[in-house]
């Protein structure tokens, strides 16, 4: 399960690749559950026919989805990944799934532990072409008991037992999972497709288009 990623911090790079103006504060570069980061969604007013409404908007939010019924935002420690196979029925994710609250999570890279040596080696995984990656996610809006509104999000994951690269990660014997890296051309469709088509996007990114290397502790990214 992916609990750690590197956010896109360069504002021109963010806007140029994802077609959305990043929030004033996009959070830290090094993101873990409950950290502040950003996500991209279709504006709620997109169906109003107003040409002034952008096709995509980026919002600040918490990594770790907080369902509307939660008592505490700390539930995000357990809801940062959503299994695509069960998200439509799991209480934490089903409302976001059924309401098509899909988002794109902008990342430079994500991290997984490589256990092939017998020890967990944090590994940085990124696109081979050097471009940012847009991960498929779900978002939610939560109002705290004090009335504060928090947006949050989770990464969708798929089975990776047969993926040439991603099957190398996680503990021996555990099911291999991977995040869904969306093709650039699929961004708009992902945000706008009917709910019944959500699973059509749950495909593994080609292994030969990804690169992986042991992460450098000196950069503070592990």
N, C-alpha and C. Protein backbone atom coordinates (compact mmCIF):
# COMPACT_ATOMS: atom_id res chain seq x y z
N UNK A 1 0.84 -1.18 0.00
CA UNK A 1 0.00 0.00 0.00
C UNK A 1 0.89 1.25 0.00
N UNK A 2 0.50 2.25 -0.74
CA UNK A 2 1.32 3.45 -0.87
C UNK A 2 0.94 4.47 0.19
N UNK A 3 1.84 4.71 1.14
CA UNK A 3 1.58 5.66 2.22
C UNK A 3 2.47 6.89 2.13
N UNK A 4 3.23 7.01 1.05
CA UNK A 4 4.26 8.05 0.99
C UNK A 4 4.48 8.47 -0.46
N UNK A 5 4.43 9.76 -0.72
CA UNK A 5 4.72 10.24 -2.07
C UNK A 5 5.36 11.61 -2.05
N UNK A 6 5.92 11.97 -3.18
CA UNK A 6 6.57 13.28 -3.36
C UNK A 6 5.64 14.16 -4.19
N UNK A 7 5.21 15.26 -3.62
CA UNK A 7 4.27 16.14 -4.29
C UNK A 7 4.96 17.01 -5.35
N UNK A 8 4.17 17.53 -6.27
CA UNK A 8 4.67 18.46 -7.29
C UNK A 8 4.67 19.85 -6.68
N UNK A 9 5.85 20.43 -6.49
CA UNK A 9 5.94 21.72 -5.82
C UNK A 9 6.16 22.89 -6.77
N UNK A 10 6.74 22.64 -7.95
CA UNK A 10 6.96 23.72 -8.91
C UNK A 10 5.62 24.13 -9.52
N UNK A 11 5.23 25.36 -9.32
CA UNK A 11 3.88 25.79 -9.71
C UNK A 11 3.68 25.78 -11.23
N UNK A 12 4.69 26.20 -11.98
CA UNK A 12 4.56 26.20 -13.44
C UNK A 12 4.48 24.76 -13.96
N UNK A 13 5.25 23.88 -13.38
CA UNK A 13 5.23 22.47 -13.78
C UNK A 13 3.86 21.86 -13.45
N UNK A 14 3.33 22.19 -12.31
CA UNK A 14 2.02 21.72 -11.87
C UNK A 14 0.93 22.16 -12.85
N UNK A 15 0.87 23.46 -13.08
CA UNK A 15 -0.18 23.99 -13.96
C UNK A 15 0.00 23.52 -15.40
N UNK A 16 1.24 23.49 -15.86
CA UNK A 16 1.50 23.11 -17.24
C UNK A 16 1.11 21.67 -17.53
N UNK A 17 1.33 20.78 -16.57
CA UNK A 17 1.02 19.37 -16.82
C UNK A 17 -0.43 19.02 -16.53
N UNK A 18 -0.98 19.56 -15.46
CA UNK A 18 -2.32 19.16 -15.03
C UNK A 18 -3.43 20.12 -15.45
N UNK A 19 -3.06 21.28 -15.97
CA UNK A 19 -4.09 22.21 -16.43
C UNK A 19 -4.94 22.78 -15.32
N UNK A 20 -4.34 22.97 -14.15
CA UNK A 20 -5.05 23.54 -13.01
C UNK A 20 -4.10 24.42 -12.21
N UNK A 21 -4.60 25.54 -11.73
CA UNK A 21 -3.80 26.44 -10.91
C UNK A 21 -3.65 25.83 -9.52
N UNK A 22 -2.42 25.56 -9.07
CA UNK A 22 -2.26 24.93 -7.76
C UNK A 22 -2.69 25.87 -6.63
N UNK A 23 -3.10 25.33 -5.50
CA UNK A 23 -3.46 26.17 -4.35
C UNK A 23 -2.27 27.01 -3.90
N UNK A 24 -2.57 28.06 -3.17
CA UNK A 24 -1.49 28.93 -2.67
C UNK A 24 -0.50 28.13 -1.83
N UNK A 25 -1.00 27.18 -1.05
CA UNK A 25 -0.15 26.33 -0.24
C UNK A 25 -0.41 24.88 -0.64
N UNK A 26 0.55 24.26 -1.28
CA UNK A 26 0.39 22.88 -1.72
C UNK A 26 0.93 21.88 -0.69
N UNK A 27 1.32 22.37 0.48
CA UNK A 27 1.83 21.48 1.52
C UNK A 27 3.30 21.16 1.32
N UNK A 28 3.77 20.13 2.01
CA UNK A 28 5.17 19.72 1.95
C UNK A 28 5.43 18.88 0.70
N UNK A 29 6.70 18.81 0.32
CA UNK A 29 7.07 17.95 -0.81
C UNK A 29 6.94 16.49 -0.42
N UNK A 30 7.23 16.18 0.82
CA UNK A 30 7.25 14.81 1.33
C UNK A 30 5.92 14.55 2.02
N UNK A 31 5.06 13.73 1.45
CA UNK A 31 3.69 13.58 1.94
C UNK A 31 3.44 12.20 2.53
N UNK A 32 2.86 12.19 3.73
CA UNK A 32 2.45 10.98 4.44
C UNK A 32 0.99 11.13 4.86
N UNK A 33 0.32 10.06 5.30
CA UNK A 33 -1.06 10.19 5.76
C UNK A 33 -1.24 11.28 6.82
N UNK A 34 -2.31 12.03 6.68
CA UNK A 34 -2.70 13.17 7.50
C UNK A 34 -1.96 14.45 7.15
N UNK A 35 -1.02 14.39 6.20
CA UNK A 35 -0.33 15.61 5.77
C UNK A 35 -1.22 16.40 4.81
N UNK A 36 -1.00 17.70 4.80
CA UNK A 36 -1.69 18.56 3.85
C UNK A 36 -1.02 18.45 2.48
N UNK A 37 -1.83 18.34 1.45
CA UNK A 37 -1.34 18.26 0.08
C UNK A 37 -2.44 18.80 -0.83
N UNK A 38 -2.36 18.55 -2.11
CA UNK A 38 -3.40 19.05 -3.02
C UNK A 38 -3.92 17.92 -3.89
N UNK A 39 -5.12 18.12 -4.41
CA UNK A 39 -5.72 17.19 -5.35
C UNK A 39 -6.49 17.99 -6.39
N UNK A 40 -6.77 17.35 -7.51
CA UNK A 40 -7.43 18.03 -8.63
C UNK A 40 -8.76 17.34 -8.92
N UNK A 41 -9.80 18.12 -9.08
CA UNK A 41 -11.12 17.57 -9.35
C UNK A 41 -11.82 18.41 -10.42
N UNK A 42 -12.96 17.93 -10.86
CA UNK A 42 -13.83 18.72 -11.73
C UNK A 42 -14.60 19.69 -10.83
N UNK A 43 -14.65 20.99 -11.16
CA UNK A 43 -15.41 21.94 -10.33
C UNK A 43 -16.87 21.52 -10.20
N UNK A 44 -17.45 21.75 -9.04
CA UNK A 44 -18.83 21.39 -8.82
C UNK A 44 -19.77 22.14 -9.76
N UNK A 45 -19.33 23.32 -10.26
CA UNK A 45 -20.16 24.15 -11.14
C UNK A 45 -19.95 23.83 -12.61
N UNK A 46 -19.21 22.77 -12.90
CA UNK A 46 -18.82 22.48 -14.28
C UNK A 46 -20.02 22.23 -15.19
N UNK A 47 -21.12 21.75 -14.65
CA UNK A 47 -22.29 21.45 -15.46
C UNK A 47 -23.22 22.64 -15.66
N UNK A 48 -22.83 23.79 -15.13
CA UNK A 48 -23.72 24.95 -15.20
C UNK A 48 -23.65 25.66 -16.56
N UNK A 49 -22.69 25.29 -17.39
CA UNK A 49 -22.57 25.92 -18.71
C UNK A 49 -21.88 27.27 -18.68
N UNK A 50 -21.24 27.61 -17.58
CA UNK A 50 -20.53 28.88 -17.44
C UNK A 50 -19.12 28.71 -17.99
N UNK A 51 -18.80 29.46 -19.05
CA UNK A 51 -17.48 29.34 -19.66
C UNK A 51 -16.36 29.81 -18.73
N UNK A 52 -16.71 30.57 -17.71
CA UNK A 52 -15.71 31.07 -16.78
C UNK A 52 -15.24 29.99 -15.80
N UNK A 53 -15.99 28.90 -15.73
CA UNK A 53 -15.63 27.82 -14.82
C UNK A 53 -14.55 26.97 -15.48
N UNK A 54 -13.40 26.80 -14.84
CA UNK A 54 -12.32 25.99 -15.44
C UNK A 54 -12.70 24.51 -15.51
N UNK A 55 -12.05 23.80 -16.40
CA UNK A 55 -12.33 22.37 -16.55
C UNK A 55 -11.85 21.58 -15.34
N UNK A 56 -10.80 22.07 -14.67
CA UNK A 56 -10.25 21.40 -13.50
C UNK A 56 -9.90 22.43 -12.44
N UNK A 57 -10.00 22.04 -11.20
CA UNK A 57 -9.58 22.91 -10.11
C UNK A 57 -8.76 22.10 -9.11
N UNK A 58 -7.77 22.75 -8.55
CA UNK A 58 -6.91 22.12 -7.55
C UNK A 58 -7.27 22.68 -6.18
N UNK A 59 -7.41 21.80 -5.22
CA UNK A 59 -7.78 22.19 -3.87
C UNK A 59 -6.78 21.65 -2.86
N UNK A 60 -6.61 22.37 -1.74
CA UNK A 60 -5.80 21.80 -0.65
C UNK A 60 -6.63 20.75 0.08
N UNK A 61 -5.98 19.73 0.58
CA UNK A 61 -6.69 18.69 1.30
C UNK A 61 -5.76 17.83 2.11
N UNK A 62 -6.34 16.89 2.81
CA UNK A 62 -5.57 15.95 3.64
C UNK A 62 -5.39 14.63 2.90
N UNK A 63 -4.19 14.10 2.93
CA UNK A 63 -3.93 12.76 2.40
C UNK A 63 -4.44 11.76 3.42
N UNK A 64 -5.49 11.04 3.07
CA UNK A 64 -6.19 10.16 4.00
C UNK A 64 -7.63 10.61 4.04
N UNK A 65 -8.51 9.89 3.34
CA UNK A 65 -9.89 10.32 3.15
C UNK A 65 -10.69 10.26 4.44
N UNK A 66 -11.45 11.33 4.69
CA UNK A 66 -12.31 11.42 5.87
C UNK A 66 -13.76 11.38 5.40
N UNK A 67 -14.48 10.27 5.59
CA UNK A 67 -15.88 10.20 5.17
C UNK A 67 -16.74 11.18 5.97
N UNK A 68 -17.86 11.57 5.41
CA UNK A 68 -18.69 12.61 6.04
C UNK A 68 -19.17 12.22 7.43
N UNK A 69 -19.27 10.91 7.71
CA UNK A 69 -19.80 10.46 8.99
C UNK A 69 -18.74 10.31 10.08
N UNK A 70 -17.48 10.55 9.75
CA UNK A 70 -16.40 10.34 10.73
C UNK A 70 -16.47 11.35 11.87
N UNK A 71 -16.01 10.93 13.04
CA UNK A 71 -15.95 11.82 14.20
C UNK A 71 -14.65 12.60 14.27
N UNK A 72 -13.62 12.07 13.61
CA UNK A 72 -12.29 12.65 13.74
C UNK A 72 -11.54 12.50 12.43
N UNK A 73 -10.80 13.52 12.02
CA UNK A 73 -10.04 13.47 10.77
C UNK A 73 -8.90 12.46 10.84
N UNK A 74 -8.56 12.00 12.04
CA UNK A 74 -7.47 11.04 12.19
C UNK A 74 -7.79 9.69 11.55
N UNK A 75 -9.05 9.47 11.16
CA UNK A 75 -9.38 8.24 10.45
C UNK A 75 -8.54 8.12 9.18
N UNK A 76 -8.04 9.26 8.70
CA UNK A 76 -7.21 9.28 7.50
C UNK A 76 -5.94 8.45 7.61
N UNK A 77 -5.54 8.10 8.83
CA UNK A 77 -4.37 7.23 8.99
C UNK A 77 -4.62 5.85 8.41
N UNK A 78 -5.90 5.49 8.25
CA UNK A 78 -6.25 4.16 7.76
C UNK A 78 -6.93 4.19 6.39
N UNK A 79 -7.18 5.38 5.86
CA UNK A 79 -7.97 5.49 4.63
C UNK A 79 -7.23 6.24 3.52
N UNK A 80 -5.94 6.11 3.47
CA UNK A 80 -5.18 6.81 2.43
C UNK A 80 -5.14 6.01 1.13
N UNK A 81 -5.40 4.71 1.20
CA UNK A 81 -5.51 3.86 0.00
C UNK A 81 -6.89 3.24 -0.04
N UNK A 82 -7.48 3.18 -1.23
CA UNK A 82 -8.78 2.54 -1.41
C UNK A 82 -8.64 1.43 -2.45
N UNK A 83 -8.96 0.21 -2.06
CA UNK A 83 -8.92 -0.91 -3.00
C UNK A 83 -10.03 -0.71 -4.03
N UNK A 84 -9.67 -0.65 -5.28
CA UNK A 84 -10.67 -0.38 -6.32
C UNK A 84 -11.74 -1.47 -6.38
N UNK A 85 -11.35 -2.69 -6.03
CA UNK A 85 -12.29 -3.81 -6.11
C UNK A 85 -13.41 -3.72 -5.07
N UNK A 86 -13.17 -3.01 -3.97
CA UNK A 86 -14.15 -2.96 -2.88
C UNK A 86 -14.59 -1.55 -2.49
N UNK A 87 -14.03 -0.53 -3.14
CA UNK A 87 -14.32 0.85 -2.74
C UNK A 87 -15.81 1.19 -2.82
N UNK A 88 -16.52 0.59 -3.78
CA UNK A 88 -17.94 0.91 -3.95
C UNK A 88 -18.79 0.40 -2.79
N UNK A 89 -18.27 -0.52 -1.98
CA UNK A 89 -19.05 -1.07 -0.88
C UNK A 89 -18.48 -0.77 0.50
N UNK A 90 -17.23 -0.37 0.58
CA UNK A 90 -16.62 -0.08 1.87
C UNK A 90 -17.18 1.23 2.44
N UNK A 91 -17.61 1.25 3.71
CA UNK A 91 -18.20 2.46 4.28
C UNK A 91 -17.35 3.72 4.13
N UNK A 92 -16.04 3.58 4.24
CA UNK A 92 -15.17 4.76 4.17
C UNK A 92 -15.15 5.40 2.79
N UNK A 93 -15.36 4.60 1.73
CA UNK A 93 -15.18 5.09 0.37
C UNK A 93 -16.44 5.06 -0.50
N UNK A 94 -17.47 4.35 -0.08
CA UNK A 94 -18.59 4.10 -0.98
C UNK A 94 -19.32 5.36 -1.41
N UNK A 95 -19.45 6.35 -0.52
CA UNK A 95 -20.16 7.58 -0.91
C UNK A 95 -19.37 8.33 -1.98
N UNK A 96 -18.06 8.44 -1.79
CA UNK A 96 -17.23 9.13 -2.78
C UNK A 96 -17.27 8.39 -4.11
N UNK A 97 -17.25 7.06 -4.06
CA UNK A 97 -17.31 6.26 -5.30
C UNK A 97 -18.65 6.46 -6.00
N UNK A 98 -19.74 6.30 -5.26
CA UNK A 98 -21.08 6.36 -5.85
C UNK A 98 -21.46 7.74 -6.33
N UNK A 99 -20.83 8.77 -5.78
CA UNK A 99 -21.11 10.14 -6.19
C UNK A 99 -20.08 10.66 -7.19
N UNK A 100 -19.27 9.76 -7.71
CA UNK A 100 -18.25 10.10 -8.71
C UNK A 100 -17.33 11.22 -8.25
N UNK A 101 -16.97 11.19 -6.97
CA UNK A 101 -16.05 12.18 -6.43
C UNK A 101 -14.62 11.70 -6.67
N UNK A 102 -14.28 11.70 -7.96
CA UNK A 102 -12.96 11.24 -8.38
C UNK A 102 -12.00 12.42 -8.49
N UNK A 103 -10.74 12.15 -8.27
CA UNK A 103 -9.75 13.21 -8.35
C UNK A 103 -8.45 12.69 -8.93
N UNK A 104 -7.58 13.62 -9.25
CA UNK A 104 -6.22 13.33 -9.69
C UNK A 104 -5.27 13.82 -8.59
N UNK A 105 -4.37 12.96 -8.17
CA UNK A 105 -3.38 13.32 -7.16
C UNK A 105 -2.06 13.57 -7.88
N UNK A 106 -1.59 14.82 -7.90
CA UNK A 106 -0.35 15.14 -8.63
C UNK A 106 0.89 14.76 -7.83
N UNK A 107 1.75 13.93 -8.42
CA UNK A 107 2.95 13.49 -7.72
C UNK A 107 4.16 13.54 -8.66
N UNK A 108 5.30 13.74 -8.07
CA UNK A 108 6.56 13.57 -8.79
C UNK A 108 6.98 12.10 -8.75
N UNK A 109 6.67 11.44 -7.63
CA UNK A 109 7.04 10.04 -7.45
C UNK A 109 6.27 9.49 -6.26
N UNK A 110 6.21 8.17 -6.17
CA UNK A 110 5.65 7.53 -4.98
C UNK A 110 6.67 6.50 -4.49
N UNK A 111 6.51 6.07 -3.26
CA UNK A 111 7.51 5.23 -2.62
C UNK A 111 6.91 3.91 -2.15
N UNK A 112 7.68 2.85 -2.32
CA UNK A 112 7.29 1.52 -1.86
C UNK A 112 8.52 0.83 -1.26
N UNK A 113 8.34 -0.10 -0.32
CA UNK A 113 9.47 -0.83 0.25
C UNK A 113 9.83 -2.06 -0.59
N UNK A 114 11.10 -2.16 -0.95
CA UNK A 114 11.62 -3.32 -1.68
C UNK A 114 12.20 -4.30 -0.67
N UNK A 115 11.58 -5.49 -0.57
CA UNK A 115 11.97 -6.48 0.44
C UNK A 115 12.85 -7.59 -0.13
N UNK A 116 13.31 -7.47 -1.36
CA UNK A 116 14.03 -8.58 -1.98
C UNK A 116 15.35 -8.90 -1.28
N UNK A 117 15.92 -7.94 -0.57
CA UNK A 117 17.17 -8.17 0.15
C UNK A 117 16.93 -8.76 1.54
N UNK A 118 15.65 -8.85 1.93
CA UNK A 118 15.32 -9.31 3.27
C UNK A 118 15.04 -8.16 4.22
N UNK A 119 15.35 -6.94 3.79
CA UNK A 119 15.06 -5.74 4.57
C UNK A 119 14.27 -4.77 3.70
N UNK A 120 13.48 -3.92 4.32
CA UNK A 120 12.69 -2.95 3.58
C UNK A 120 13.58 -1.81 3.09
N UNK A 121 13.73 -1.70 1.79
CA UNK A 121 14.53 -0.62 1.19
C UNK A 121 13.56 0.37 0.55
N UNK A 122 13.40 1.57 1.11
CA UNK A 122 12.49 2.55 0.52
C UNK A 122 12.92 2.85 -0.92
N UNK A 123 11.99 2.77 -1.83
CA UNK A 123 12.29 2.92 -3.26
C UNK A 123 11.40 3.98 -3.88
N UNK A 124 12.04 4.86 -4.63
CA UNK A 124 11.33 5.96 -5.30
C UNK A 124 10.96 5.51 -6.71
N UNK A 125 9.67 5.61 -7.04
CA UNK A 125 9.15 5.17 -8.33
C UNK A 125 8.55 6.37 -9.05
N UNK A 126 8.98 6.60 -10.28
CA UNK A 126 8.55 7.76 -11.03
C UNK A 126 8.39 7.40 -12.50
N UNK A 127 7.82 8.32 -13.27
CA UNK A 127 7.71 8.11 -14.70
C UNK A 127 9.09 8.18 -15.34
N UNK A 128 9.33 7.31 -16.28
CA UNK A 128 10.62 7.27 -16.96
C UNK A 128 10.87 8.53 -17.77
N UNK A 129 9.80 9.15 -18.30
CA UNK A 129 9.97 10.34 -19.12
C UNK A 129 10.19 11.61 -18.32
N UNK A 130 10.19 11.51 -16.99
CA UNK A 130 10.47 12.66 -16.14
C UNK A 130 9.28 13.56 -15.88
N UNK A 131 8.13 13.25 -16.44
CA UNK A 131 6.94 14.08 -16.22
C UNK A 131 6.29 13.73 -14.88
N UNK A 132 5.50 14.67 -14.32
CA UNK A 132 4.73 14.33 -13.12
C UNK A 132 3.73 13.22 -13.44
N UNK A 133 3.28 12.55 -12.42
CA UNK A 133 2.28 11.50 -12.60
C UNK A 133 0.97 11.94 -11.95
N UNK A 134 -0.14 11.61 -12.60
CA UNK A 134 -1.46 11.87 -12.03
C UNK A 134 -2.04 10.56 -11.55
N UNK A 135 -2.22 10.42 -10.25
CA UNK A 135 -2.75 9.19 -9.68
C UNK A 135 -4.26 9.28 -9.52
N UNK A 136 -4.95 8.19 -9.79
CA UNK A 136 -6.40 8.15 -9.65
C UNK A 136 -6.77 8.10 -8.17
N UNK A 137 -7.70 8.96 -7.77
CA UNK A 137 -8.10 9.00 -6.38
C UNK A 137 -9.56 9.32 -6.18
N UNK A 138 -10.00 9.28 -4.93
CA UNK A 138 -11.33 9.68 -4.51
C UNK A 138 -11.18 10.81 -3.51
N UNK A 139 -12.12 11.74 -3.51
CA UNK A 139 -12.07 12.85 -2.55
C UNK A 139 -13.36 12.93 -1.74
N UNK A 140 -13.27 13.62 -0.61
CA UNK A 140 -14.43 13.77 0.25
C UNK A 140 -14.40 15.13 0.93
N UNK A 141 -15.58 15.58 1.35
CA UNK A 141 -15.73 16.83 2.10
C UNK A 141 -16.29 16.48 3.47
N UNK A 142 -15.62 16.93 4.52
CA UNK A 142 -16.00 16.60 5.90
C UNK A 142 -16.12 17.87 6.72
N UNK A 143 -17.17 17.95 7.53
CA UNK A 143 -17.33 19.08 8.45
C UNK A 143 -17.08 18.58 9.86
N UNK A 144 -16.13 19.20 10.53
CA UNK A 144 -15.76 18.80 11.88
C UNK A 144 -16.85 19.19 12.88
N UNK A 145 -16.81 18.63 14.09
CA UNK A 145 -17.79 19.00 15.12
C UNK A 145 -17.81 20.50 15.43
N UNK A 146 -16.68 21.18 15.14
CA UNK A 146 -16.62 22.62 15.39
C UNK A 146 -17.04 23.45 14.18
N UNK A 147 -17.40 22.76 13.08
CA UNK A 147 -17.88 23.47 11.90
C UNK A 147 -16.85 23.73 10.82
N UNK A 148 -15.59 23.35 11.04
CA UNK A 148 -14.56 23.54 10.03
C UNK A 148 -14.72 22.50 8.91
N UNK A 149 -14.48 22.93 7.68
CA UNK A 149 -14.60 22.04 6.53
C UNK A 149 -13.22 21.56 6.10
N UNK A 150 -13.11 20.27 5.89
CA UNK A 150 -11.85 19.66 5.45
C UNK A 150 -12.10 18.82 4.21
N UNK A 151 -11.32 19.07 3.17
CA UNK A 151 -11.32 18.19 2.01
C UNK A 151 -10.20 17.16 2.20
N UNK A 152 -10.42 15.97 1.71
CA UNK A 152 -9.43 14.91 1.87
C UNK A 152 -9.50 13.98 0.67
N UNK A 153 -8.50 13.11 0.55
CA UNK A 153 -8.46 12.23 -0.62
C UNK A 153 -7.71 10.95 -0.31
N UNK A 154 -7.95 9.95 -1.16
CA UNK A 154 -7.29 8.65 -1.06
C UNK A 154 -6.87 8.19 -2.44
N UNK A 155 -5.80 7.41 -2.50
CA UNK A 155 -5.34 6.81 -3.76
C UNK A 155 -6.09 5.51 -4.01
N UNK A 156 -6.51 5.29 -5.23
CA UNK A 156 -7.09 4.01 -5.61
C UNK A 156 -5.96 3.04 -5.97
N UNK A 157 -6.12 1.78 -5.60
CA UNK A 157 -5.08 0.78 -5.87
C UNK A 157 -5.67 -0.44 -6.58
N UNK A 158 -4.79 -1.16 -7.26
CA UNK A 158 -5.17 -2.37 -7.98
C UNK A 158 -4.16 -3.47 -7.68
N UNK A 159 -4.52 -4.69 -8.00
CA UNK A 159 -3.61 -5.82 -7.81
C UNK A 159 -2.41 -5.70 -8.74
N UNK A 160 -1.22 -6.05 -8.22
CA UNK A 160 0.00 -5.94 -9.02
C UNK A 160 0.82 -7.23 -8.97
N UNK A 161 0.19 -8.35 -8.66
CA UNK A 161 0.91 -9.62 -8.57
C UNK A 161 1.65 -9.98 -9.85
N UNK A 162 1.12 -9.54 -10.99
CA UNK A 162 1.73 -9.89 -12.27
C UNK A 162 2.47 -8.72 -12.92
N UNK A 163 2.57 -7.60 -12.23
CA UNK A 163 3.24 -6.44 -12.82
C UNK A 163 4.75 -6.63 -12.74
N UNK A 164 5.46 -6.53 -13.84
CA UNK A 164 6.90 -6.81 -13.84
C UNK A 164 7.72 -5.99 -12.84
N UNK A 165 7.29 -4.76 -12.57
CA UNK A 165 8.02 -3.91 -11.63
C UNK A 165 7.39 -3.94 -10.24
N UNK A 166 6.11 -3.66 -10.14
CA UNK A 166 5.49 -3.48 -8.84
C UNK A 166 5.34 -4.76 -8.03
N UNK A 167 5.48 -5.90 -8.66
CA UNK A 167 5.43 -7.15 -7.90
C UNK A 167 6.67 -7.34 -7.02
N UNK A 168 7.68 -6.49 -7.20
CA UNK A 168 8.91 -6.58 -6.41
C UNK A 168 8.74 -6.01 -5.00
N UNK A 169 7.66 -5.26 -4.79
CA UNK A 169 7.54 -4.51 -3.54
C UNK A 169 6.60 -5.18 -2.53
N UNK A 170 6.67 -4.69 -1.29
CA UNK A 170 5.91 -5.21 -0.16
C UNK A 170 6.49 -6.53 0.35
N UNK A 171 6.05 -6.94 1.50
CA UNK A 171 6.62 -8.12 2.16
C UNK A 171 6.33 -9.40 1.38
N UNK A 172 7.27 -10.35 1.43
CA UNK A 172 7.03 -11.65 0.78
C UNK A 172 5.75 -12.28 1.33
N UNK A 173 4.94 -12.81 0.45
CA UNK A 173 3.70 -13.43 0.87
C UNK A 173 2.51 -12.51 0.86
N UNK A 174 2.74 -11.19 0.92
CA UNK A 174 1.64 -10.23 0.87
C UNK A 174 1.16 -10.05 -0.56
N UNK A 175 -0.11 -9.73 -0.72
CA UNK A 175 -0.61 -9.38 -2.04
C UNK A 175 0.12 -8.13 -2.52
N UNK A 176 0.52 -8.12 -3.78
CA UNK A 176 1.17 -6.95 -4.35
C UNK A 176 0.10 -5.99 -4.85
N UNK A 177 0.25 -4.72 -4.48
CA UNK A 177 -0.71 -3.69 -4.88
C UNK A 177 0.05 -2.53 -5.51
N UNK A 178 -0.63 -1.75 -6.32
CA UNK A 178 -0.02 -0.55 -6.89
C UNK A 178 -1.07 0.52 -7.08
N UNK A 179 -0.61 1.77 -7.07
CA UNK A 179 -1.49 2.89 -7.36
C UNK A 179 -1.80 2.92 -8.86
N UNK A 180 -2.84 3.64 -9.23
CA UNK A 180 -3.24 3.75 -10.63
C UNK A 180 -2.69 5.05 -11.20
N UNK A 181 -1.66 4.93 -12.04
CA UNK A 181 -1.09 6.09 -12.73
C UNK A 181 -1.91 6.29 -14.00
N UNK A 182 -2.59 7.40 -14.08
CA UNK A 182 -3.46 7.66 -15.23
C UNK A 182 -2.65 8.12 -16.44
N UNK A 183 -2.98 7.66 -17.63
CA UNK A 183 -2.38 8.23 -18.84
C UNK A 183 -2.76 9.71 -18.94
N UNK A 184 -1.87 10.54 -19.43
CA UNK A 184 -2.16 11.98 -19.51
C UNK A 184 -3.46 12.24 -20.26
N UNK A 185 -3.68 11.52 -21.34
CA UNK A 185 -4.86 11.75 -22.17
C UNK A 185 -6.16 11.35 -21.49
N UNK A 186 -6.07 10.65 -20.36
CA UNK A 186 -7.27 10.18 -19.68
C UNK A 186 -7.72 11.10 -18.55
N UNK A 187 -6.99 12.18 -18.28
CA UNK A 187 -7.32 13.03 -17.13
C UNK A 187 -8.76 13.54 -17.17
N UNK A 188 -9.16 14.12 -18.29
CA UNK A 188 -10.51 14.68 -18.37
C UNK A 188 -11.56 13.59 -18.27
N UNK A 189 -11.35 12.49 -18.97
CA UNK A 189 -12.33 11.40 -18.92
C UNK A 189 -12.45 10.84 -17.51
N UNK A 190 -11.34 10.72 -16.80
CA UNK A 190 -11.38 10.21 -15.44
C UNK A 190 -12.24 11.09 -14.54
N UNK A 191 -12.14 12.38 -14.70
CA UNK A 191 -12.88 13.30 -13.84
C UNK A 191 -14.36 13.41 -14.22
N UNK A 192 -14.70 13.08 -15.45
CA UNK A 192 -16.06 13.33 -15.92
C UNK A 192 -16.87 12.08 -16.26
N UNK A 193 -16.27 10.93 -16.29
CA UNK A 193 -16.97 9.71 -16.71
C UNK A 193 -18.09 9.34 -15.73
N UNK A 194 -19.14 8.68 -16.21
CA UNK A 194 -20.20 8.19 -15.32
C UNK A 194 -19.65 7.19 -14.32
N UNK A 195 -20.33 7.05 -13.20
CA UNK A 195 -19.88 6.15 -12.14
C UNK A 195 -19.69 4.73 -12.67
N UNK A 196 -20.59 4.29 -13.55
CA UNK A 196 -20.52 2.91 -14.05
C UNK A 196 -19.24 2.64 -14.83
N UNK A 197 -18.51 3.69 -15.23
CA UNK A 197 -17.28 3.51 -16.01
C UNK A 197 -16.01 3.64 -15.17
N UNK A 198 -16.17 3.83 -13.88
CA UNK A 198 -14.99 4.07 -13.02
C UNK A 198 -13.97 2.95 -13.14
N UNK A 199 -14.41 1.70 -13.12
CA UNK A 199 -13.47 0.58 -13.17
C UNK A 199 -12.75 0.48 -14.51
N UNK A 200 -13.26 1.14 -15.53
CA UNK A 200 -12.61 1.10 -16.84
C UNK A 200 -11.22 1.75 -16.82
N UNK A 201 -10.95 2.55 -15.78
CA UNK A 201 -9.67 3.25 -15.68
C UNK A 201 -8.67 2.52 -14.78
N UNK A 202 -9.09 1.43 -14.19
CA UNK A 202 -8.24 0.74 -13.22
C UNK A 202 -7.29 -0.22 -13.92
N UNK A 203 -6.27 0.34 -14.56
CA UNK A 203 -5.29 -0.45 -15.30
C UNK A 203 -3.88 -0.16 -14.79
N UNK A 204 -2.99 -1.14 -14.81
CA UNK A 204 -1.60 -0.91 -14.39
C UNK A 204 -0.84 -0.08 -15.41
N UNK A 205 0.00 0.80 -14.92
CA UNK A 205 0.84 1.60 -15.81
C UNK A 205 1.97 0.70 -16.32
N UNK A 206 2.35 0.82 -17.60
CA UNK A 206 3.37 -0.08 -18.15
C UNK A 206 4.69 0.01 -17.36
N UNK A 207 5.25 -1.15 -17.04
CA UNK A 207 6.49 -1.20 -16.27
C UNK A 207 7.65 -0.52 -16.99
N UNK A 208 7.67 -0.61 -18.33
CA UNK A 208 8.79 -0.02 -19.06
C UNK A 208 8.68 1.49 -19.18
N UNK A 209 7.61 2.06 -18.61
CA UNK A 209 7.47 3.51 -18.58
C UNK A 209 7.64 4.08 -17.18
N UNK A 210 8.13 3.25 -16.27
CA UNK A 210 8.41 3.65 -14.90
C UNK A 210 9.87 3.39 -14.58
N UNK A 211 10.41 4.13 -13.63
CA UNK A 211 11.77 3.91 -13.17
C UNK A 211 11.76 3.84 -11.65
N UNK A 212 12.61 2.99 -11.10
CA UNK A 212 12.65 2.81 -9.64
C UNK A 212 14.09 2.79 -9.16
N UNK A 213 14.34 3.49 -8.05
CA UNK A 213 15.67 3.46 -7.45
C UNK A 213 15.57 3.68 -5.96
N UNK A 214 16.55 3.17 -5.23
CA UNK A 214 16.55 3.34 -3.78
C UNK A 214 16.51 4.82 -3.45
N UNK A 215 15.64 5.19 -2.51
CA UNK A 215 15.48 6.60 -2.16
C UNK A 215 16.64 7.08 -1.31
N UNK A 216 16.97 8.36 -1.45
CA UNK A 216 18.06 8.97 -0.71
C UNK A 216 17.55 9.55 0.59
N UNK A 217 18.06 9.05 1.71
CA UNK A 217 17.67 9.60 3.00
C UNK A 217 18.15 11.04 3.17
N UNK A 218 19.21 11.39 2.47
CA UNK A 218 19.75 12.72 2.59
C UNK A 218 18.79 13.79 2.08
N UNK A 219 17.85 13.38 1.23
CA UNK A 219 16.88 14.34 0.71
C UNK A 219 15.63 14.42 1.58
N UNK A 220 15.59 13.63 2.64
CA UNK A 220 14.45 13.68 3.53
C UNK A 220 13.20 13.08 2.94
N UNK A 221 13.35 12.15 2.00
CA UNK A 221 12.20 11.62 1.32
C UNK A 221 11.89 10.18 1.71
N UNK A 222 12.47 9.70 2.79
CA UNK A 222 12.15 8.35 3.26
C UNK A 222 11.94 8.38 4.77
